[in-house]
């Protein structure tokens, strides 16, 4: 147990070491590919597709029962 605590204490960073490292971005970092631009729309559609399919299934079942 003491050995484990010593390893954790040795690897724990101090608050002064926990700063954010700033990197130089390449000049073309702001250009997005077509896949990157379409990702937001794809996520939106896929998020709602399951909900709409569930509602359609419930509606079809309700139509057949009533």
C-alpha atoms as a PDB file:
ATOM      1  CA  UNK A   1       0.000   0.000   0.000  1.00  0.00           C
ATOM      2  CA  UNK A   2       2.785   2.429   0.875  1.00  0.00           C
ATOM      3  CA  UNK A   3       4.602   1.649  -2.341  1.00  0.00           C
ATOM      4  CA  UNK A   4       1.459   2.404  -4.337  1.00  0.00           C
ATOM      5  CA  UNK A   5       0.972   5.723  -2.544  1.00  0.00           C
ATOM      6  CA  UNK A   6       4.599   6.651  -3.155  1.00  0.00           C
ATOM      7  CA  UNK A   7       4.208   5.972  -6.880  1.00  0.00           C
ATOM      8  CA  UNK A   8       1.047   8.068  -7.043  1.00  0.00           C
ATOM      9  CA  UNK A   9       2.651  10.887  -5.082  1.00  0.00           C
ATOM     10  CA  UNK A  10       5.718  10.802  -7.328  1.00  0.00           C
ATOM     11  CA  UNK A  11       3.713  10.941 -10.557  1.00  0.00           C
ATOM     12  CA  UNK A  12       1.201  13.569  -9.410  1.00  0.00           C
ATOM     13  CA  UNK A  13       1.886  16.934 -11.032  1.00  0.00           C
ATOM     14  CA  UNK A  14       1.898  20.115  -9.049  1.00  0.00           C
ATOM     15  CA  UNK A  15      -0.388  23.016  -9.875  1.00  0.00           C
ATOM     16  CA  UNK A  16       2.438  24.939 -11.519  1.00  0.00           C
ATOM     17  CA  UNK A  17       3.115  22.010 -13.886  1.00  0.00           C
ATOM     18  CA  UNK A  18      -0.557  21.589 -14.805  1.00  0.00           C
ATOM     19  CA  UNK A  19      -0.696  24.612 -17.113  1.00  0.00           C
ATOM     20  CA  UNK A  20      -1.974  24.356 -20.644  1.00  0.00           C
ATOM     21  CA  UNK A  21       0.701  23.802 -23.229  1.00  0.00           C
ATOM     22  CA  UNK A  22       0.396  26.205 -26.120  1.00  0.00           C
ATOM     23  CA  UNK A  23       1.340  24.780 -29.476  1.00  0.00           C
ATOM     24  CA  UNK A  24       1.953  26.516 -32.744  1.00  0.00           C
ATOM     25  CA  UNK A  25      -0.830  25.535 -35.098  1.00  0.00           C
ATOM     26  CA  UNK A  26      -0.039  24.928 -38.724  1.00  0.00           C
ATOM     27  CA  UNK A  27      -1.195  27.594 -41.131  1.00  0.00           C
ATOM     28  CA  UNK A  28      -3.778  25.324 -42.731  1.00  0.00           C
ATOM     29  CA  UNK A  29      -5.343  24.235 -39.420  1.00  0.00           C
ATOM     30  CA  UNK A  30      -8.428  26.383 -39.953  1.00  0.00           C
ATOM     31  CA  UNK A  31      -9.372  24.705 -43.238  1.00  0.00           C
ATOM     32  CA  UNK A  32     -11.902  21.930 -42.815  1.00  0.00           C
ATOM     33  CA  UNK A  33     -12.524  19.082 -45.184  1.00  0.00           C
ATOM     34  CA  UNK A  34     -15.986  18.344 -46.509  1.00  0.00           C
ATOM     35  CA  UNK A  35     -16.268  15.446 -44.049  1.00  0.00           C
ATOM     36  CA  UNK A  36     -15.501  17.757 -41.111  1.00  0.00           C
ATOM     37  CA  UNK A  37     -18.099  20.269 -42.273  1.00  0.00           C
ATOM     38  CA  UNK A  38     -20.748  17.581 -42.774  1.00  0.00           C
ATOM     39  CA  UNK A  39     -20.129  15.983 -39.396  1.00  0.00           C
ATOM     40  CA  UNK A  40     -22.443  18.345 -37.519  1.00  0.00           C
ATOM     41  CA  UNK A  41     -25.367  17.687 -39.834  1.00  0.00           C
ATOM     42  CA  UNK A  42     -24.755  13.947 -39.777  1.00  0.00           C
ATOM     43  CA  UNK A  43     -24.709  13.915 -35.987  1.00  0.00           C
ATOM     44  CA  UNK A  44     -27.955  15.916 -35.871  1.00  0.00           C
ATOM     45  CA  UNK A  45     -29.722  13.583 -38.295  1.00  0.00           C
ATOM     46  CA  UNK A  46     -28.471  10.428 -36.605  1.00  0.00           C
ATOM     47  CA  UNK A  47     -29.496  11.787 -33.205  1.00  0.00           C
ATOM     48  CA  UNK A  48     -33.101  12.251 -34.321  1.00  0.00           C
ATOM     49  CA  UNK A  49     -33.390   9.240 -36.650  1.00  0.00           C
ATOM     50  CA  UNK A  50     -33.792   6.761 -33.805  1.00  0.00           C
ATOM     51  CA  UNK A  51     -36.393   8.888 -32.069  1.00  0.00           C
ATOM     52  CA  UNK A  52     -38.382   9.320 -35.279  1.00  0.00           C
ATOM     53  CA  UNK A  53     -38.201   5.595 -36.052  1.00  0.00           C
ATOM     54  CA  UNK A  54     -39.471   4.809 -32.554  1.00  0.00           C
ATOM     55  CA  UNK A  55     -42.359   7.264 -32.903  1.00  0.00           C
ATOM     56  CA  UNK A  56     -43.231   5.834 -36.314  1.00  0.00           C
ATOM     57  CA  UNK A  57     -43.272   2.304 -34.896  1.00  0.00           C
ATOM     58  CA  UNK A  58     -45.503   3.360 -32.007  1.00  0.00           C
ATOM     59  CA  UNK A  59     -47.809   5.177 -34.443  1.00  0.00           C
ATOM     60  CA  UNK A  60     -48.033   2.137 -36.717  1.00  0.00           C
ATOM     61  CA  UNK A  61     -48.843  -0.123 -33.773  1.00  0.00           C
ATOM     62  CA  UNK A  62     -51.478   2.326 -32.521  1.00  0.00           C
ATOM     63  CA  UNK A  63     -52.981   2.529 -36.033  1.00  0.00           C
ATOM     64  CA  UNK A  64     -53.259  -1.245 -36.259  1.00  0.00           C
ATOM     65  CA  UNK A  65     -54.760  -1.605 -32.784  1.00  0.00           C
ATOM     66  CA  UNK A  66     -57.282   1.238 -32.943  1.00  0.00           C
END
